[in-house]
Amino acid sequence: MSISRNSLPAIVTLAIVLAFGLLGSALVTRMGYLAVPSALGLPYGLPGLRVVPLGETTWLVTLADSVLALVLVVMVAQARGGFWRTWGAFVLGAVIVNLLRAVVLSQIASAGLGAYAGHLVGGLIAGLLWGIALGWLAGLAALPRRQRERATAGMPSAG
């Protein structure tokens, strides 16, 4: 079995986090309403894979975003199954990485207990929304793999 064929959902997820790293700021400038969570101090979108800080963010935030983007890719790569399992892994991964980003942002902002709780709730909501909105792409990438597994196992395909 080819590595690239088996890890197509992870490659799609890597492309998504690369897009957030490279084009995330351009997307916010084109659609201003996407900047509302960031204006409230909440994590914007998914963590982006980038090599330099964005705007006036610190190197710690850049490093955390890059590590968390790779965590999301690894979580999707570990999901073995079809569309729903891969989509679920993406949503779960998006929630986890956004919760961890909220912790990092709260620590950098020296937030009090109420703001810390607000950041966590915002990270949870943002992770759910972005995971549901983009996770189906990784799920679609898992479909060909699932059909090939059925064909090699001698099972009849469902389509």
Protein backbone atom coordinates (compact mmCIF):
# COMPACT_ATOMS: atom_id res chain seq x y z
CA MET A 1 0.00 0.00 0.00
CA SER A 2 1.25 3.43 -0.89
CA ILE A 3 1.85 5.97 1.86
CA SER A 4 0.28 8.79 -0.13
CA ARG A 5 -2.81 6.76 -0.93
CA ASN A 6 -3.36 5.85 2.73
CA SER A 7 -2.73 9.33 4.04
CA LEU A 8 -4.84 11.34 1.60
CA PRO A 9 -7.06 12.75 4.41
CA ALA A 10 -3.91 13.90 6.24
CA ILE A 11 -2.61 15.53 3.06
CA VAL A 12 -5.93 17.37 2.63
CA THR A 13 -5.78 18.48 6.27
CA LEU A 14 -2.20 19.65 5.78
CA ALA A 15 -3.33 21.69 2.78
CA ILE A 16 -6.10 23.25 4.90
CA VAL A 17 -3.74 24.30 7.72
CA LEU A 18 -1.23 25.57 5.16
CA ALA A 19 -3.99 27.66 3.59
CA PHE A 20 -4.89 29.07 7.00
CA GLY A 21 -1.24 29.90 7.59
CA LEU A 22 -0.63 31.48 4.21
CA LEU A 23 -4.02 32.94 3.32
CA GLY A 24 -5.76 33.33 6.67
CA SER A 25 -5.05 37.04 6.97
CA ALA A 26 -6.09 37.67 3.35
CA LEU A 27 -9.38 35.90 4.03
CA VAL A 28 -10.07 38.08 7.07
CA THR A 29 -9.33 41.28 5.15
CA ARG A 30 -11.74 40.27 2.38
CA MET A 31 -14.53 39.16 4.74
CA GLY A 32 -14.39 41.44 7.76
CA TYR A 33 -16.99 39.56 9.80
CA LEU A 34 -14.49 36.72 10.17
CA ALA A 35 -12.36 39.05 12.33
CA VAL A 36 -15.04 39.33 15.05
CA PRO A 37 -13.79 36.31 17.06
CA SER A 38 -10.23 37.63 16.92
CA ALA A 39 -11.40 41.07 18.06
CA LEU A 40 -12.90 39.39 21.12
CA GLY A 41 -9.62 37.61 21.82
CA LEU A 42 -10.81 34.22 20.63
CA PRO A 43 -8.89 31.95 18.29
CA TYR A 44 -9.62 32.59 14.63
CA GLY A 45 -10.29 29.55 12.52
CA LEU A 46 -7.94 26.63 12.60
CA PRO A 47 -4.31 26.98 13.58
CA GLY A 48 -2.24 27.91 10.57
CA LEU A 49 1.07 26.41 9.66
CA ARG A 50 3.36 29.41 9.25
CA VAL A 51 7.02 30.21 9.74
CA VAL A 52 6.86 33.87 10.79
CA PRO A 53 4.53 35.66 13.20
CA LEU A 54 1.41 37.22 11.75
CA GLY A 55 1.01 40.90 12.52
CA GLU A 56 2.01 41.66 16.09
CA THR A 57 1.61 38.14 17.43
CA THR A 58 4.50 36.68 19.36
CA TRP A 59 6.80 33.87 18.37
CA LEU A 60 5.17 31.75 21.07
CA VAL A 61 1.78 32.06 19.36
CA THR A 62 3.34 31.26 15.98
CA LEU A 63 5.09 28.20 17.39
CA ALA A 64 1.93 27.07 19.20
CA ASP A 65 -0.16 27.51 16.03
CA SER A 66 2.32 25.53 13.95
CA VAL A 67 2.58 22.69 16.48
CA LEU A 68 -1.21 22.56 16.90
CA ALA A 69 -1.69 22.53 13.12
CA LEU A 70 0.55 19.48 12.95
CA VAL A 71 -1.39 17.89 15.84
CA LEU A 72 -4.58 18.29 13.80
CA VAL A 73 -2.92 16.65 10.79
CA VAL A 74 -1.70 13.73 12.94
CA MET A 75 -5.16 13.24 14.48
CA VAL A 76 -6.72 13.00 11.03
CA ALA A 77 -3.93 10.70 9.84
CA GLN A 78 -4.63 8.34 12.75
CA ALA A 79 -8.33 8.05 11.82
CA ARG A 80 -8.75 4.78 10.01
CA GLY A 81 -12.14 4.45 8.44
CA GLY A 82 -14.45 6.07 6.02
CA PHE A 83 -16.05 9.43 5.61
CA TRP A 84 -17.76 9.77 8.99
CA ARG A 85 -14.84 8.59 11.09
CA THR A 86 -12.42 10.91 9.32
CA TRP A 87 -14.82 13.84 9.53
CA GLY A 88 -15.32 13.09 13.23
CA ALA A 89 -11.56 12.96 13.79
CA PHE A 90 -11.22 16.32 12.05
CA VAL A 91 -13.97 17.89 14.18
CA LEU A 92 -12.51 16.43 17.39
CA GLY A 93 -9.04 17.57 16.39
CA ALA A 94 -10.29 21.08 15.56
CA VAL A 95 -11.98 21.32 18.95
CA ILE A 96 -8.89 20.10 20.82
CA VAL A 97 -6.43 22.37 19.01
CA ASN A 98 -8.69 25.41 19.37
CA LEU A 99 -9.09 24.72 23.10
CA LEU A 100 -5.31 24.53 23.42
CA ARG A 101 -4.93 27.73 21.39
CA ALA A 102 -7.41 29.41 23.73
CA VAL A 103 -5.25 28.36 26.68
CA VAL A 104 -2.13 29.80 25.03
CA LEU A 105 -3.88 33.06 24.13
CA SER A 106 -5.31 33.36 27.65
CA GLN A 107 -1.89 32.87 29.18
CA ILE A 108 -0.31 35.47 26.91
CA ALA A 109 -3.07 37.97 27.67
CA SER A 110 -2.84 37.22 31.41
CA ALA A 111 -6.60 36.73 31.43
CA GLY A 112 -8.58 36.43 34.63
CA LEU A 113 -10.74 33.45 35.45
CA GLY A 114 -13.83 34.78 33.67
CA ALA A 115 -11.93 35.70 30.52
CA TYR A 116 -10.13 32.35 30.63
CA ALA A 117 -13.47 30.53 30.75
CA GLY A 118 -14.75 32.72 27.92
CA HIS A 119 -11.71 31.87 25.82
CA LEU A 120 -12.30 28.17 26.41
CA VAL A 121 -15.97 28.41 25.43
CA GLY A 122 -15.03 30.46 22.36
CA GLY A 123 -12.34 27.94 21.42
CA LEU A 124 -14.84 25.11 21.76
CA ILE A 125 -17.41 26.85 19.58
CA ALA A 126 -14.83 27.94 16.99
CA GLY A 127 -13.40 24.42 16.84
CA LEU A 128 -16.83 22.88 16.34
CA LEU A 129 -17.82 25.36 13.63
CA TRP A 130 -14.58 25.17 11.65
CA GLY A 131 -14.37 21.40 12.12
CA ILE A 132 -17.87 20.87 10.78
CA ALA A 133 -17.35 23.40 7.98
CA LEU A 134 -14.06 21.95 6.70
CA GLY A 135 -13.92 18.40 8.03
CA TRP A 136 -15.98 17.01 5.18
CA LEU A 137 -13.05 17.70 2.84
CA ALA A 138 -10.86 15.28 4.79
CA GLY A 139 -13.82 12.91 4.95
CA LEU A 140 -14.17 12.95 1.18
CA ALA A 141 -10.48 12.18 0.87
CA ALA A 142 -11.07 9.04 2.96
CA LEU A 143 -13.75 7.69 0.61
CA PRO A 144 -11.45 6.28 -2.10
CA ARG A 145 -9.33 4.56 0.54
CA ARG A 146 -12.39 2.90 2.06
CA GLN A 147 -13.56 1.60 -1.32
CA ARG A 148 -10.09 0.25 -2.12
CA GLU A 149 -9.98 -1.53 1.26
CA ARG A 150 -13.28 -3.22 0.49
CA ALA A 151 -12.06 -4.27 -2.94
CA THR A 152 -8.87 -5.80 -1.57
CA ALA A 153 -10.76 -7.58 1.23
CA GLY A 154 -13.16 -9.12 -1.29
CA MET A 155 -16.18 -7.31 0.11
CA PRO A 156 -18.83 -6.00 -2.22
CA SER A 157 -18.71 -2.23 -2.58
CA ALA A 158 -21.69 -0.12 -1.61
CA GLY A 159 -21.88 1.82 -4.83
